[in-house]
Amino acid sequence: MQVSIARYHNIFGPEGCYQGGREKAPAALCRKVAQAQSGDQIEVWGDGQQTRSFLYIDECVEATLRLINCAYSEPVNIGSEEMVTINQLAEIIIAISGKDLSIKNIPGPEGVRGRNSDNRLIRETLAWAPSEKLHDGLRTTYQWIDEQLKHAEGRQLKRAAGRS
């Protein structure tokens, strides 16, 4: 049996979990920014200097398909090497939103101080590297989450109006 082993690193994008405590940092921050009003602060756990790399889902699918369609059977990382601090991630999302928001760092879980995907092996084996910038995937994800929240708010208003 042919086996492919992928180690996925912080995958995000539309259709993913964005609330309830199981969401990844990009989705959680997109939600916080979408729910905030200009002039508000959004809360970021820790000092915001912890670093991560995030890979947009379309890039992940491309890499996974390449891996499945080759004969390589050792583990490979599928992730991005574009590393940002969590505060930088929040700043990118705030800029995408066009809102005037600030960041308030608060005590909370931070995880490891820094983590990044080492993609040397997948570049050598599959000639693959992410082609999309983090900003582009965040824009699409932010727009999707903002739309979901607006639809949910509209449904709540309709239900409330039906009870009056």
N, C-alpha and C. Protein backbone atom coordinates (compact mmCIF):
# COMPACT_ATOMS: atom_id res chain seq x y z
N MET A 1 0.84 -1.17 0.00
CA MET A 1 0.00 0.00 0.00
C MET A 1 0.90 1.25 0.00
N GLN A 2 0.63 2.19 -0.87
CA GLN A 2 1.35 3.46 -0.94
C GLN A 2 0.82 4.39 0.16
N VAL A 3 1.74 4.93 0.96
CA VAL A 3 1.35 5.79 2.07
C VAL A 3 2.05 7.14 1.92
N SER A 4 1.30 8.22 2.21
CA SER A 4 1.87 9.57 2.25
C SER A 4 1.66 10.11 3.64
N ILE A 5 2.69 10.76 4.18
CA ILE A 5 2.60 11.28 5.55
C ILE A 5 2.88 12.78 5.52
N ALA A 6 1.88 13.55 5.88
CA ALA A 6 2.02 15.01 5.91
C ALA A 6 1.93 15.50 7.35
N ARG A 7 2.78 16.46 7.68
CA ARG A 7 2.71 17.14 8.97
C ARG A 7 2.23 18.56 8.67
N TYR A 8 0.97 18.81 8.95
CA TYR A 8 0.36 20.11 8.62
C TYR A 8 0.67 21.14 9.71
N HIS A 9 0.99 22.35 9.28
CA HIS A 9 1.36 23.44 10.18
C HIS A 9 0.37 24.60 10.05
N ASN A 10 -0.49 24.77 11.05
CA ASN A 10 -1.37 25.94 11.18
C ASN A 10 -2.11 26.30 9.89
N ILE A 11 -3.00 25.42 9.48
CA ILE A 11 -3.79 25.63 8.27
C ILE A 11 -5.01 26.48 8.63
N PHE A 12 -5.35 27.44 7.76
CA PHE A 12 -6.50 28.30 8.01
C PHE A 12 -7.20 28.62 6.70
N GLY A 13 -8.42 29.12 6.81
CA GLY A 13 -9.15 29.58 5.63
C GLY A 13 -10.64 29.55 5.87
N PRO A 14 -11.40 29.97 4.85
CA PRO A 14 -12.86 29.94 4.95
C PRO A 14 -13.36 28.52 5.20
N GLU A 15 -14.54 28.43 5.74
CA GLU A 15 -15.21 27.16 6.05
C GLU A 15 -14.61 26.49 7.28
N GLY A 16 -13.66 27.14 7.93
CA GLY A 16 -13.07 26.58 9.13
C GLY A 16 -13.77 27.09 10.38
N CYS A 17 -13.44 26.50 11.49
CA CYS A 17 -13.97 26.91 12.79
C CYS A 17 -13.48 28.32 13.10
N TYR A 18 -14.38 29.22 13.49
CA TYR A 18 -13.97 30.59 13.81
C TYR A 18 -14.50 31.08 15.16
N GLN A 19 -15.14 30.19 15.90
CA GLN A 19 -15.62 30.56 17.23
C GLN A 19 -15.79 29.30 18.07
N GLY A 20 -15.94 29.48 19.37
CA GLY A 20 -16.19 28.35 20.25
C GLY A 20 -14.97 27.81 20.96
N GLY A 21 -13.79 28.37 20.71
CA GLY A 21 -12.61 27.96 21.44
C GLY A 21 -11.71 26.96 20.73
N ARG A 22 -12.15 26.42 19.61
CA ARG A 22 -11.32 25.44 18.89
C ARG A 22 -10.67 26.04 17.65
N GLU A 23 -10.90 27.33 17.40
CA GLU A 23 -10.38 27.96 16.20
C GLU A 23 -8.89 28.29 16.35
N LYS A 24 -8.20 28.36 15.23
CA LYS A 24 -6.79 28.77 15.20
C LYS A 24 -6.72 30.29 15.30
N ALA A 25 -5.52 30.80 15.58
CA ALA A 25 -5.32 32.24 15.77
C ALA A 25 -5.84 33.10 14.61
N PRO A 26 -5.60 32.75 13.33
CA PRO A 26 -6.11 33.62 12.26
C PRO A 26 -7.63 33.77 12.31
N ALA A 27 -8.34 32.67 12.51
CA ALA A 27 -9.80 32.74 12.55
C ALA A 27 -10.29 33.49 13.79
N ALA A 28 -9.67 33.24 14.93
CA ALA A 28 -10.08 33.92 16.16
C ALA A 28 -9.87 35.42 16.02
N LEU A 29 -8.74 35.83 15.48
CA LEU A 29 -8.48 37.26 15.32
C LEU A 29 -9.38 37.88 14.25
N CYS A 30 -9.64 37.15 13.18
CA CYS A 30 -10.59 37.65 12.17
C CYS A 30 -11.96 37.88 12.81
N ARG A 31 -12.41 36.95 13.63
CA ARG A 31 -13.70 37.10 14.31
C ARG A 31 -13.70 38.32 15.23
N LYS A 32 -12.65 38.45 16.04
CA LYS A 32 -12.57 39.58 16.97
C LYS A 32 -12.60 40.91 16.22
N VAL A 33 -11.85 40.99 15.14
CA VAL A 33 -11.82 42.23 14.36
C VAL A 33 -13.17 42.48 13.70
N ALA A 34 -13.78 41.45 13.15
CA ALA A 34 -15.08 41.61 12.48
C ALA A 34 -16.15 42.08 13.47
N GLN A 35 -16.08 41.62 14.71
CA GLN A 35 -17.08 41.99 15.71
C GLN A 35 -16.81 43.35 16.34
N ALA A 36 -15.61 43.87 16.20
CA ALA A 36 -15.23 45.13 16.84
C ALA A 36 -15.72 46.34 16.04
N GLN A 37 -15.88 47.43 16.74
CA GLN A 37 -16.23 48.71 16.12
C GLN A 37 -14.98 49.59 16.12
N SER A 38 -14.87 50.46 15.13
CA SER A 38 -13.72 51.37 15.10
C SER A 38 -13.58 52.07 16.44
N GLY A 39 -12.36 52.16 16.91
CA GLY A 39 -12.07 52.74 18.22
C GLY A 39 -11.91 51.70 19.32
N ASP A 40 -12.37 50.46 19.07
CA ASP A 40 -12.26 49.38 20.05
C ASP A 40 -10.84 48.85 20.12
N GLN A 41 -10.61 48.04 21.16
CA GLN A 41 -9.39 47.27 21.29
C GLN A 41 -9.75 45.80 21.12
N ILE A 42 -8.89 45.05 20.46
CA ILE A 42 -9.09 43.60 20.43
C ILE A 42 -8.06 42.98 21.35
N GLU A 43 -8.46 41.93 22.03
CA GLU A 43 -7.58 41.28 22.99
C GLU A 43 -6.76 40.19 22.32
N VAL A 44 -5.46 40.19 22.62
CA VAL A 44 -4.53 39.18 22.13
C VAL A 44 -3.85 38.57 23.35
N TRP A 45 -3.87 37.24 23.45
CA TRP A 45 -3.27 36.56 24.59
C TRP A 45 -1.76 36.72 24.59
N GLY A 46 -1.21 36.94 25.76
CA GLY A 46 0.23 37.06 25.94
C GLY A 46 0.74 38.41 25.47
N ASP A 47 2.06 38.47 25.28
CA ASP A 47 2.65 39.75 24.86
C ASP A 47 2.56 39.96 23.35
N GLY A 48 2.05 38.97 22.61
CA GLY A 48 1.86 39.09 21.17
C GLY A 48 3.14 38.91 20.37
N GLN A 49 4.25 38.62 21.05
CA GLN A 49 5.52 38.46 20.35
C GLN A 49 5.82 37.00 20.00
N GLN A 50 4.94 36.07 20.41
CA GLN A 50 5.12 34.68 20.02
C GLN A 50 4.97 34.59 18.49
N THR A 51 5.78 33.76 17.84
CA THR A 51 5.79 33.69 16.38
C THR A 51 5.19 32.39 15.88
N ARG A 52 4.57 32.51 14.71
CA ARG A 52 3.97 31.36 14.04
C ARG A 52 4.03 31.58 12.54
N SER A 53 3.85 30.50 11.80
CA SER A 53 3.61 30.60 10.36
C SER A 53 2.26 29.93 10.10
N PHE A 54 1.54 30.47 9.13
CA PHE A 54 0.20 29.99 8.83
C PHE A 54 0.09 29.72 7.34
N LEU A 55 -0.61 28.64 6.98
CA LEU A 55 -0.74 28.26 5.58
C LEU A 55 -2.22 28.28 5.19
N TYR A 56 -2.53 28.98 4.10
CA TYR A 56 -3.89 29.06 3.59
C TYR A 56 -4.32 27.69 3.05
N ILE A 57 -5.56 27.35 3.24
CA ILE A 57 -6.08 26.01 2.92
C ILE A 57 -5.86 25.62 1.46
N ASP A 58 -6.03 26.53 0.51
CA ASP A 58 -5.83 26.18 -0.90
C ASP A 58 -4.40 25.72 -1.16
N GLU A 59 -3.44 26.35 -0.49
CA GLU A 59 -2.04 25.95 -0.62
C GLU A 59 -1.84 24.55 -0.03
N CYS A 60 -2.50 24.30 1.08
CA CYS A 60 -2.42 23.00 1.74
C CYS A 60 -2.95 21.88 0.83
N VAL A 61 -4.07 22.15 0.19
CA VAL A 61 -4.66 21.15 -0.72
C VAL A 61 -3.72 20.86 -1.88
N GLU A 62 -3.14 21.91 -2.46
CA GLU A 62 -2.19 21.74 -3.56
C GLU A 62 -1.01 20.86 -3.14
N ALA A 63 -0.43 21.15 -2.00
CA ALA A 63 0.71 20.38 -1.52
C ALA A 63 0.31 18.93 -1.22
N THR A 64 -0.86 18.75 -0.64
CA THR A 64 -1.34 17.41 -0.31
C THR A 64 -1.55 16.58 -1.58
N LEU A 65 -2.15 17.18 -2.60
CA LEU A 65 -2.35 16.46 -3.86
C LEU A 65 -1.02 16.08 -4.50
N ARG A 66 -0.07 16.98 -4.45
CA ARG A 66 1.26 16.67 -5.00
C ARG A 66 1.89 15.50 -4.23
N LEU A 67 1.74 15.52 -2.91
CA LEU A 67 2.30 14.46 -2.09
C LEU A 67 1.64 13.11 -2.39
N ILE A 68 0.33 13.11 -2.51
CA ILE A 68 -0.40 11.87 -2.78
C ILE A 68 -0.01 11.29 -4.13
N ASN A 69 0.26 12.16 -5.10
CA ASN A 69 0.55 11.72 -6.46
C ASN A 69 2.03 11.44 -6.73
N CYS A 70 2.83 11.37 -5.68
CA CYS A 70 4.24 11.02 -5.87
C CYS A 70 4.53 9.74 -5.10
N ALA A 71 5.70 9.21 -5.29
CA ALA A 71 6.05 7.94 -4.65
C ALA A 71 6.75 8.14 -3.31
N TYR A 72 6.89 9.36 -2.85
CA TYR A 72 7.61 9.62 -1.61
C TYR A 72 6.77 9.19 -0.41
N SER A 73 7.37 8.45 0.53
CA SER A 73 6.57 7.91 1.64
C SER A 73 7.08 8.31 3.02
N GLU A 74 8.06 9.19 3.08
CA GLU A 74 8.55 9.67 4.38
C GLU A 74 7.73 10.91 4.79
N PRO A 75 7.71 11.24 6.09
CA PRO A 75 6.96 12.42 6.53
C PRO A 75 7.53 13.71 5.94
N VAL A 76 6.63 14.62 5.53
CA VAL A 76 7.04 15.95 5.07
C VAL A 76 6.16 17.00 5.75
N ASN A 77 6.75 18.15 5.97
CA ASN A 77 5.99 19.29 6.51
C ASN A 77 5.24 19.97 5.38
N ILE A 78 4.00 20.33 5.67
CA ILE A 78 3.22 21.16 4.75
C ILE A 78 2.83 22.39 5.55
N GLY A 79 3.49 23.47 5.24
CA GLY A 79 3.26 24.71 5.97
C GLY A 79 3.91 25.86 5.24
N SER A 80 3.92 26.99 5.87
CA SER A 80 4.53 28.20 5.32
C SER A 80 5.75 28.57 6.16
N GLU A 81 6.70 29.19 5.52
CA GLU A 81 7.86 29.69 6.24
C GLU A 81 7.76 31.20 6.47
N GLU A 82 6.63 31.79 6.09
CA GLU A 82 6.40 33.22 6.30
C GLU A 82 5.97 33.43 7.75
N MET A 83 6.92 33.73 8.61
CA MET A 83 6.66 33.80 10.04
C MET A 83 6.29 35.23 10.46
N VAL A 84 5.29 35.31 11.36
CA VAL A 84 4.85 36.60 11.91
C VAL A 84 4.64 36.45 13.41
N THR A 85 4.69 37.59 14.11
CA THR A 85 4.27 37.56 15.51
C THR A 85 2.75 37.57 15.53
N ILE A 86 2.17 37.20 16.65
CA ILE A 86 0.71 37.21 16.76
C ILE A 86 0.21 38.66 16.68
N ASN A 87 0.95 39.61 17.25
CA ASN A 87 0.55 41.02 17.10
C ASN A 87 0.59 41.46 15.64
N GLN A 88 1.61 41.03 14.88
CA GLN A 88 1.66 41.36 13.46
C GLN A 88 0.47 40.75 12.72
N LEU A 89 0.12 39.52 13.06
CA LEU A 89 -1.04 38.87 12.46
C LEU A 89 -2.29 39.71 12.70
N ALA A 90 -2.48 40.15 13.94
CA ALA A 90 -3.63 40.99 14.28
C ALA A 90 -3.60 42.31 13.49
N GLU A 91 -2.43 42.91 13.36
CA GLU A 91 -2.30 44.17 12.63
C GLU A 91 -2.66 44.01 11.15
N ILE A 92 -2.27 42.89 10.56
CA ILE A 92 -2.62 42.62 9.15
C ILE A 92 -4.13 42.53 9.01
N ILE A 93 -4.78 41.81 9.91
CA ILE A 93 -6.23 41.63 9.85
C ILE A 93 -6.94 42.96 10.08
N ILE A 94 -6.46 43.75 11.02
CA ILE A 94 -7.04 45.07 11.27
C ILE A 94 -6.94 45.92 10.00
N ALA A 95 -5.79 45.90 9.34
CA ALA A 95 -5.61 46.67 8.10
C ALA A 95 -6.58 46.19 7.02
N ILE A 96 -6.76 44.88 6.91
CA ILE A 96 -7.70 44.32 5.93
C ILE A 96 -9.11 44.83 6.20
N SER A 97 -9.49 44.91 7.48
CA SER A 97 -10.85 45.33 7.85
C SER A 97 -11.11 46.80 7.56
N GLY A 98 -10.06 47.60 7.55
CA GLY A 98 -10.22 49.04 7.36
C GLY A 98 -10.72 49.76 8.60
N LYS A 99 -10.76 49.05 9.73
CA LYS A 99 -11.23 49.64 10.98
C LYS A 99 -10.06 50.26 11.73
N ASP A 100 -10.39 51.22 12.59
CA ASP A 100 -9.39 51.85 13.46
C ASP A 100 -9.45 51.13 14.81
N LEU A 101 -8.63 50.09 14.95
CA LEU A 101 -8.62 49.27 16.17
C LEU A 101 -7.21 49.24 16.74
N SER A 102 -7.13 48.95 18.02
CA SER A 102 -5.83 48.75 18.64
C SER A 102 -5.80 47.38 19.31
N ILE A 103 -4.61 46.97 19.69
CA ILE A 103 -4.40 45.65 20.29
C ILE A 103 -4.16 45.82 21.78
N LYS A 104 -4.83 45.00 22.57
CA LYS A 104 -4.61 44.96 24.01
C LYS A 104 -4.11 43.56 24.34
N ASN A 105 -2.85 43.46 24.75
CA ASN A 105 -2.31 42.17 25.14
C ASN A 105 -2.73 41.86 26.57
N ILE A 106 -3.27 40.66 26.76
CA ILE A 106 -3.78 40.23 28.05
C ILE A 106 -3.18 38.87 28.43
N PRO A 107 -3.18 38.54 29.71
CA PRO A 107 -2.70 37.20 30.10
C PRO A 107 -3.58 36.11 29.48
N GLY A 108 -2.96 35.05 29.05
CA GLY A 108 -3.70 33.93 28.46
C GLY A 108 -2.72 32.94 27.87
N PRO A 109 -3.24 31.82 27.40
CA PRO A 109 -2.37 30.78 26.83
C PRO A 109 -1.59 31.33 25.63
N GLU A 110 -0.28 31.03 25.60
CA GLU A 110 0.56 31.51 24.50
C GLU A 110 1.13 30.37 23.66
N GLY A 111 1.15 29.18 24.20
CA GLY A 111 1.81 28.10 23.50
C GLY A 111 3.31 28.31 23.50
N VAL A 112 4.00 27.64 22.58
CA VAL A 112 5.45 27.79 22.49
C VAL A 112 5.78 29.20 22.01
N ARG A 113 6.97 29.65 22.28
CA ARG A 113 7.38 31.02 21.93
C ARG A 113 7.47 31.22 20.43
N GLY A 114 7.93 30.22 19.72
CA GLY A 114 8.04 30.34 18.28
C GLY A 114 7.95 29.00 17.59
N ARG A 115 7.31 29.00 16.43
CA ARG A 115 7.18 27.76 15.66
C ARG A 115 7.08 28.14 14.19
N ASN A 116 7.75 27.34 13.36
CA ASN A 116 7.73 27.60 11.93
C ASN A 116 7.87 26.27 11.21
N SER A 117 7.37 26.20 10.00
CA SER A 117 7.48 24.98 9.20
C SER A 117 8.80 24.98 8.44
N ASP A 118 9.54 23.90 8.54
CA ASP A 118 10.76 23.74 7.76
C ASP A 118 10.36 23.00 6.47
N ASN A 119 10.37 23.72 5.37
CA ASN A 119 9.88 23.17 4.10
C ASN A 119 10.98 22.70 3.16
N ARG A 120 12.21 22.56 3.65
CA ARG A 120 13.31 22.14 2.75
C ARG A 120 13.00 20.81 2.06
N LEU A 121 12.50 19.84 2.81
CA LEU A 121 12.26 18.52 2.25
C LEU A 121 11.17 18.54 1.18
N ILE A 122 10.09 19.23 1.44
CA ILE A 122 9.00 19.24 0.45
C ILE A 122 9.40 20.03 -0.80
N ARG A 123 10.24 21.06 -0.63
CA ARG A 123 10.74 21.80 -1.80
C ARG A 123 11.61 20.88 -2.66
N GLU A 124 12.48 20.12 -2.00
CA GLU A 124 13.37 19.21 -2.73
C GLU A 124 12.61 18.05 -3.35
N THR A 125 11.67 17.49 -2.62
CA THR A 125 10.96 16.29 -3.06
C THR A 125 9.87 16.58 -4.09
N LEU A 126 9.08 17.61 -3.84
CA LEU A 126 7.93 17.90 -4.71
C LEU A 126 8.06 19.21 -5.49
N ALA A 127 9.16 19.89 -5.31
CA ALA A 127 9.34 21.21 -5.95
C ALA A 127 8.15 22.11 -5.61
N TRP A 128 7.72 22.07 -4.35
CA TRP A 128 6.57 22.87 -3.92
C TRP A 128 6.97 23.83 -2.82
N ALA A 129 6.41 25.01 -2.91
CA ALA A 129 6.48 26.01 -1.85
C ALA A 129 5.22 26.85 -1.97
N PRO A 130 4.71 27.38 -0.88
CA PRO A 130 3.50 28.22 -0.98
C PRO A 130 3.74 29.39 -1.94
N SER A 131 2.72 29.68 -2.73
CA SER A 131 2.84 30.78 -3.69
C SER A 131 2.03 32.00 -3.26
N GLU A 132 1.13 31.81 -2.31
CA GLU A 132 0.26 32.90 -1.87
C GLU A 132 0.79 33.51 -0.58
N LYS A 133 0.75 34.81 -0.50
CA LYS A 133 1.18 35.52 0.71
C LYS A 133 0.13 35.37 1.80
N LEU A 134 0.56 35.40 3.05
CA LEU A 134 -0.33 35.31 4.20
C LEU A 134 -1.46 36.34 4.10
N HIS A 135 -1.12 37.55 3.73
CA HIS A 135 -2.10 38.64 3.63
C HIS A 135 -3.27 38.26 2.72
N ASP A 136 -3.00 37.61 1.60
CA ASP A 136 -4.05 37.26 0.65
C ASP A 136 -5.03 36.24 1.24
N GLY A 137 -4.49 35.22 1.89
CA GLY A 137 -5.36 34.23 2.53
C GLY A 137 -6.15 34.83 3.68
N LEU A 138 -5.52 35.74 4.42
CA LEU A 138 -6.23 36.40 5.52
C LEU A 138 -7.37 37.26 5.01
N ARG A 139 -7.17 37.93 3.88
CA ARG A 139 -8.24 38.77 3.31
C ARG A 139 -9.47 37.91 3.00
N THR A 140 -9.24 36.80 2.32
CA THR A 140 -10.35 35.91 1.97
C THR A 140 -11.02 35.36 3.22
N THR A 141 -10.22 34.96 4.19
CA THR A 141 -10.76 34.39 5.43
C THR A 141 -11.53 35.44 6.22
N TYR A 142 -10.97 36.64 6.33
CA TYR A 142 -11.66 37.71 7.05
C TYR A 142 -13.02 38.00 6.40
N GLN A 143 -13.06 38.12 5.09
CA GLN A 143 -14.31 38.42 4.40
C GLN A 143 -15.34 37.33 4.65
N TRP A 144 -14.91 36.07 4.63
CA TRP A 144 -15.84 34.97 4.86
C TRP A 144 -16.38 35.00 6.30
N ILE A 145 -15.51 35.18 7.28
CA ILE A 145 -15.94 35.21 8.68
C ILE A 145 -16.84 36.41 8.93
N ASP A 146 -16.50 37.57 8.39
CA ASP A 146 -17.34 38.77 8.53
C ASP A 146 -18.73 38.50 7.97
N GLU A 147 -18.80 37.86 6.82
CA GLU A 147 -20.08 37.53 6.20
C GLU A 147 -20.88 36.55 7.07
N GLN A 148 -20.21 35.55 7.63
CA GLN A 148 -20.90 34.58 8.49
C GLN A 148 -21.50 35.27 9.71
N LEU A 149 -20.74 36.16 10.31
CA LEU A 149 -21.22 36.88 11.50
C LEU A 149 -22.40 37.78 11.15
N LYS A 150 -22.35 38.44 9.99
CA LYS A 150 -23.46 39.30 9.57
C LYS A 150 -24.72 38.48 9.31
N HIS A 151 -24.57 37.32 8.68
CA HIS A 151 -25.72 36.44 8.44
C HIS A 151 -26.32 35.95 9.76
N ALA A 152 -25.46 35.58 10.70
CA ALA A 152 -25.93 35.11 12.02
C ALA A 152 -26.67 36.24 12.73
N GLU A 153 -26.14 37.44 12.66
CA GLU A 153 -26.79 38.59 13.30
C GLU A 153 -28.15 38.86 12.65
N GLY A 154 -28.22 38.74 11.34
CA GLY A 154 -29.50 38.93 10.63
C GLY A 154 -30.54 37.90 11.03
N ARG A 155 -30.11 36.65 11.19
CA ARG A 155 -31.03 35.59 11.62
C ARG A 155 -31.54 35.87 13.04
N GLN A 156 -30.66 36.34 13.91
CA GLN A 156 -31.07 36.66 15.29
C GLN A 156 -32.09 37.80 15.30
N LEU A 157 -31.87 38.79 14.48
CA LEU A 157 -32.81 39.92 14.40
C LEU A 157 -34.17 39.47 13.89
N LYS A 158 -34.19 38.59 12.89
CA LYS A 158 -35.45 38.06 12.36
C LYS A 158 -36.20 37.27 13.43
N ARG A 159 -35.46 36.44 14.18
CA ARG A 159 -36.10 35.66 15.25
C ARG A 159 -36.67 36.58 16.32
N ALA A 160 -35.89 37.60 16.69
CA ALA A 160 -36.35 38.55 17.71
C ALA A 160 -37.57 39.31 17.24
N ALA A 161 -37.60 39.68 15.96
CA ALA A 161 -38.73 40.41 15.41
C ALA A 161 -39.98 39.51 15.37
N GLY A 162 -39.77 38.22 15.14
CA GLY A 162 -40.89 37.28 15.09
C GLY A 162 -41.52 37.06 16.46
N ARG A 163 -40.79 37.31 17.53
CA ARG A 163 -41.32 37.13 18.88
C ARG A 163 -42.06 38.35 19.38
N SER A 164 -41.89 39.50 18.71
CA SER A 164 -42.54 40.73 19.21
C SER A 164 -44.00 40.76 18.88
